[in-house]
Amino acid sequence: MTRSGMSSLVFSAAFLTGLSSMPEADAHPHVWVDTRAEVVFDAQDRVSAVRHAWTFDDAFSVYVIQGLDENEDGIYTREELSSLAQVNVESLADYEFFTFMGVEEAEVDFDGPVDYWLYYDADKSRLTLNFTLPLKQPALVIGDLILEIYDPEAFVAFSVNEEDSIKLASGAPNNCSVEVKPAEEMDDAFAAALAELPADQRQVPDEFFSVTSKLSNSAVIRCR
C-alpha cells in the first residue's frame, strides 16, 4: 500500500481552476467525505467492482466548483463538471483511489475507473463524485474479503454515516452478506497532536502513520 502526500482531489481541483493550492487550513484533515459504496458481483457470483459515491464537505465543494458554471445560470450540470470529474479520477490513481481490498495479506488489484461523474446539490452546497472501480480479475469470495476506504495520511477524512453506507449491489448472491465497520474515532490526545501539524505539511510523521493507517472504514464481505 503506497503512502500519499496530499489528496489528489485537492491537486486536481486546484489545477483545473487555475489555483496553486487550497486556502490554508488550520489542521489535518483538510477535506471531509461522506462515503457510500456498493460491492458489485458478476454473473459468475464473483466480486467484479466497487461503485463509489463520495460526498464532500460544503466548504471544499463550493471552493472546487468556482468558475465551472459556464453559462452562469446558477446550475452546475454534469457536462459542466465533466472535466473536473475526469481530472479527479485520473489523479486518484496515484493514491490507489483510497480503496483497498484483499484477503489477509493478498491484495486485490483494481483497473482504471469507469462511469465517473460529478453531481452538485445546490441546496446542501455539496459535491458528490461517482465512479466505479472494476477489479482487474474478478474475485470469488472464499473466506472473508475485506474492503477498506480511507486515507492513511489523514489528509482526507472518510466516514460512513449510514447503516448501509457500504452494501452489496443489486444482483449479489443471496448467500453473501456485508458487515460494515466504521473507522474508530481518534482519541483526544492524538487528534490534538495531528491538528498541530502545519497546514502545508502533506505527509504525516511515521509515528502518526502507525495510527492513521489503522483508522479505516472497512467492510467484510462473506459468502456462505
Protein backbone atom coordinates (compact mmCIF):
# COMPACT_ATOMS: atom_id res chain seq x y z
CA MET A 1 0.00 0.00 0.00
CA THR A 2 1.53 3.32 -1.04
CA ARG A 3 1.59 6.37 1.18
CA SER A 4 0.22 9.55 -0.35
CA GLY A 5 1.42 13.05 0.47
CA MET A 6 -1.65 15.05 -0.45
CA SER A 7 -5.15 14.39 -1.58
CA SER A 8 -5.29 14.16 -5.36
CA LEU A 9 -8.66 15.82 -5.17
CA VAL A 10 -7.02 18.98 -3.87
CA PHE A 11 -4.32 18.87 -6.53
CA SER A 12 -6.69 18.22 -9.39
CA ALA A 13 -9.28 20.76 -8.35
CA ALA A 14 -6.58 23.36 -7.88
CA PHE A 15 -5.12 22.56 -11.29
CA LEU A 16 -8.45 22.75 -13.08
CA THR A 17 -9.47 26.05 -11.51
CA GLY A 18 -6.05 27.59 -12.16
CA LEU A 19 -5.13 27.83 -8.49
CA SER A 20 -1.94 26.64 -6.86
CA SER A 21 -3.47 25.27 -3.67
CA MET A 22 -6.47 25.19 -1.43
CA PRO A 23 -6.80 28.06 1.05
CA GLU A 24 -4.75 27.44 4.18
CA ALA A 25 -6.44 25.07 6.57
CA ASP A 26 -5.62 25.08 10.23
CA ALA A 27 -5.42 21.35 10.87
CA HIS A 28 -5.46 17.85 9.49
CA PRO A 29 -7.67 16.57 7.99
CA HIS A 30 -8.37 19.16 5.29
CA VAL A 31 -11.26 17.51 3.43
CA TRP A 32 -14.21 15.52 4.80
CA VAL A 33 -16.02 12.90 2.76
CA ASP A 34 -19.25 11.03 3.48
CA THR A 35 -18.68 7.66 1.85
CA ARG A 36 -21.11 5.32 0.15
CA ALA A 37 -20.05 2.23 -1.76
CA GLU A 38 -21.58 -0.81 -3.42
CA VAL A 39 -19.80 -4.11 -3.96
CA VAL A 40 -20.72 -5.38 -7.43
CA PHE A 41 -20.86 -9.06 -8.44
CA ASP A 42 -20.72 -10.53 -11.95
CA ALA A 43 -22.82 -13.35 -13.45
CA GLN A 44 -20.40 -15.94 -12.01
CA ASP A 45 -21.04 -14.64 -8.46
CA ARG A 46 -17.58 -13.07 -8.25
CA VAL A 47 -16.86 -9.59 -6.92
CA SER A 48 -16.18 -7.55 -10.05
CA ALA A 49 -16.19 -3.89 -8.99
CA VAL A 50 -16.67 -1.31 -6.26
CA ARG A 51 -19.10 1.50 -7.07
CA HIS A 52 -18.32 4.69 -5.13
CA ALA A 53 -20.29 7.83 -4.27
CA TRP A 54 -18.22 10.34 -2.24
CA THR A 55 -19.92 13.48 -0.94
CA PHE A 56 -17.51 16.27 0.03
CA ASP A 57 -17.94 18.83 2.78
CA ASP A 58 -19.61 22.08 1.77
CA ALA A 59 -16.52 24.30 2.10
CA PHE A 60 -14.47 22.10 -0.21
CA SER A 61 -17.40 21.64 -2.62
CA VAL A 62 -18.04 25.35 -3.04
CA TYR A 63 -14.32 26.00 -3.50
CA VAL A 64 -13.69 23.49 -6.27
CA ILE A 65 -16.68 24.40 -8.47
CA GLN A 66 -15.70 28.06 -8.76
CA GLY A 67 -15.69 29.14 -12.38
CA LEU A 68 -17.31 25.96 -13.71
CA ASP A 69 -20.82 27.34 -14.29
CA GLU A 70 -20.06 28.14 -17.91
CA ASN A 71 -23.44 29.64 -18.83
CA GLU A 72 -23.78 31.37 -15.43
CA ASP A 73 -27.29 30.06 -14.87
CA GLY A 74 -26.59 29.03 -11.28
CA ILE A 75 -26.84 25.33 -12.15
CA TYR A 76 -23.81 23.04 -12.34
CA THR A 77 -24.64 20.36 -14.88
CA ARG A 78 -22.91 17.02 -15.27
CA GLU A 79 -21.45 18.32 -18.54
CA GLU A 80 -20.01 21.44 -16.89
CA LEU A 81 -18.43 19.29 -14.18
CA SER A 82 -17.16 16.58 -16.52
CA SER A 83 -13.62 17.92 -16.83
CA LEU A 84 -13.28 18.15 -13.06
CA ALA A 85 -14.58 14.59 -12.70
CA GLN A 86 -12.05 13.30 -15.23
CA VAL A 87 -9.09 15.08 -13.64
CA ASN A 88 -10.10 13.82 -10.21
CA VAL A 89 -10.47 10.15 -11.08
CA GLU A 90 -7.29 10.13 -13.15
CA SER A 91 -5.33 11.75 -10.31
CA LEU A 92 -6.78 9.36 -7.73
CA ALA A 93 -4.84 6.52 -9.37
CA ASP A 94 -1.70 7.87 -7.67
CA TYR A 95 -3.38 7.28 -4.31
CA GLU A 96 -4.88 3.86 -5.05
CA PHE A 97 -8.29 5.56 -5.05
CA PHE A 98 -8.15 5.39 -1.22
CA THR A 99 -9.70 1.96 -1.81
CA PHE A 100 -8.06 -1.26 -0.67
CA MET A 101 -9.38 -4.80 -0.95
CA GLY A 102 -7.93 -8.17 -0.15
CA VAL A 103 -7.89 -11.42 1.78
CA GLU A 104 -5.38 -11.48 4.64
CA GLU A 105 -2.08 -10.40 3.05
CA ALA A 106 -3.22 -10.83 -0.56
CA GLU A 107 -4.41 -7.58 -2.13
CA VAL A 108 -6.90 -7.30 -4.97
CA ASP A 109 -5.85 -5.04 -7.85
CA PHE A 110 -8.23 -2.52 -9.41
CA ASP A 111 -8.42 -1.41 -13.01
CA GLY A 112 -8.95 2.17 -14.13
CA PRO A 113 -12.16 3.96 -13.10
CA VAL A 114 -15.25 3.93 -15.31
CA ASP A 115 -18.67 5.59 -15.26
CA TYR A 116 -17.40 8.64 -13.40
CA TRP A 117 -19.35 11.87 -12.97
CA LEU A 118 -19.98 14.68 -10.51
CA TYR A 119 -23.26 15.91 -9.06
CA TYR A 120 -23.65 19.21 -7.20
CA ASP A 121 -26.51 19.53 -4.71
CA ALA A 122 -27.15 23.28 -4.61
CA ASP A 123 -29.50 23.01 -1.63
CA LYS A 124 -26.80 21.44 0.55
CA SER A 125 -23.82 23.02 -1.26
CA ARG A 126 -22.20 19.60 -1.53
CA LEU A 127 -20.47 17.89 -4.41
CA THR A 128 -20.62 14.12 -4.98
CA LEU A 129 -18.09 12.18 -7.04
CA ASN A 130 -19.48 8.96 -8.51
CA PHE A 131 -17.18 6.37 -10.06
CA THR A 132 -16.78 2.62 -10.45
CA LEU A 133 -13.55 0.68 -9.88
CA PRO A 134 -13.53 -2.66 -11.73
CA LEU A 135 -11.30 -5.42 -10.38
CA LYS A 136 -8.55 -6.45 -12.80
CA GLN A 137 -9.53 -10.03 -12.04
CA PRO A 138 -12.97 -10.77 -10.53
CA ALA A 139 -12.65 -12.40 -7.12
CA LEU A 140 -14.60 -15.37 -5.85
CA VAL A 141 -15.36 -14.80 -2.17
CA ILE A 142 -13.82 -17.64 -0.18
CA GLY A 143 -13.44 -16.70 3.44
CA ASP A 144 -13.54 -13.01 4.38
CA LEU A 145 -12.95 -10.42 1.65
CA ILE A 146 -12.05 -7.06 3.22
CA LEU A 147 -12.80 -3.68 1.64
CA GLU A 148 -11.20 -0.59 3.21
CA ILE A 149 -11.82 3.07 2.33
CA TYR A 150 -9.55 5.62 3.98
CA ASP A 151 -6.56 7.96 3.62
CA PRO A 152 -3.58 6.71 5.66
CA GLU A 153 -2.14 10.23 5.56
CA ALA A 154 -5.24 11.66 7.29
CA PHE A 155 -5.42 14.49 4.75
CA VAL A 156 -8.91 13.33 3.78
CA ALA A 157 -11.31 12.13 6.46
CA PHE A 158 -13.62 9.44 5.08
CA SER A 159 -16.66 8.49 7.12
CA VAL A 160 -19.57 6.08 6.82
CA ASN A 161 -22.58 7.76 8.39
CA GLU A 162 -25.42 5.43 7.44
CA GLU A 163 -26.12 1.80 8.21
CA ASP A 164 -25.98 0.84 4.53
CA SER A 165 -23.11 3.17 3.55
CA ILE A 166 -21.27 0.11 2.24
CA LYS A 167 -23.55 -2.55 0.80
CA LEU A 168 -23.85 -5.28 -1.78
CA ALA A 169 -25.18 -4.11 -5.12
CA SER A 170 -28.39 -5.43 -6.62
CA GLY A 171 -27.81 -8.88 -8.10
CA ALA A 172 -25.42 -10.07 -5.40
CA PRO A 173 -25.72 -13.79 -4.50
CA ASN A 174 -28.30 -14.50 -1.82
CA ASN A 175 -25.74 -16.27 0.34
CA CYS A 176 -23.45 -13.22 0.54
CA SER A 177 -23.53 -10.54 3.22
CA VAL A 178 -21.54 -7.48 4.27
CA GLU A 179 -20.56 -6.32 7.74
CA VAL A 180 -19.59 -2.63 7.94
CA LYS A 181 -17.03 -1.49 10.49
CA PRO A 182 -16.73 2.33 10.67
CA ALA A 183 -13.33 3.77 11.49
CA GLU A 184 -12.62 4.20 15.17
CA GLU A 185 -12.54 7.76 16.44
CA MET A 186 -9.15 9.19 17.27
CA ASP A 187 -8.52 9.76 20.92
CA ASP A 188 -8.35 13.40 22.00
CA ALA A 189 -4.60 13.38 22.55
CA PHE A 190 -3.81 12.05 19.07
CA ALA A 191 -6.36 14.34 17.40
CA ALA A 192 -4.76 17.33 19.12
CA ALA A 193 -1.27 16.23 18.03
CA LEU A 194 -2.47 15.75 14.45
CA ALA A 195 -4.04 19.21 14.46
CA GLU A 196 -0.66 20.71 15.37
CA LEU A 197 0.85 19.66 12.05
CA PRO A 198 1.45 22.67 9.78
CA ALA A 199 -1.23 23.15 7.13
CA ASP A 200 1.35 22.81 4.35
CA GLN A 201 2.75 19.53 5.68
CA ARG A 202 1.32 16.87 3.41
CA GLN A 203 2.87 13.77 4.95
CA VAL A 204 2.26 12.67 8.48
CA PRO A 205 5.31 11.55 10.50
CA ASP A 206 5.94 7.82 10.72
CA GLU A 207 4.78 7.67 14.31
CA PHE A 208 1.47 9.24 13.23
CA PHE A 209 1.15 6.94 10.24
CA SER A 210 1.22 3.91 12.50
CA VAL A 211 -2.05 5.19 13.99
CA THR A 212 -3.76 6.77 10.95
CA SER A 213 -3.15 3.67 8.83
CA LYS A 214 -5.44 1.76 11.19
CA LEU A 215 -8.27 4.28 11.17
CA SER A 216 -10.03 2.78 8.17
CA ASN A 217 -13.67 2.30 7.28
CA SER A 218 -13.95 -1.36 6.39
CA ALA A 219 -16.47 -3.89 5.23
CA VAL A 220 -16.20 -7.66 5.49
CA ILE A 221 -17.84 -9.49 2.57
CA ARG A 222 -18.75 -13.13 3.24
CA CYS A 223 -20.44 -15.75 1.09
CA ARG A 224 -21.61 -18.91 2.82
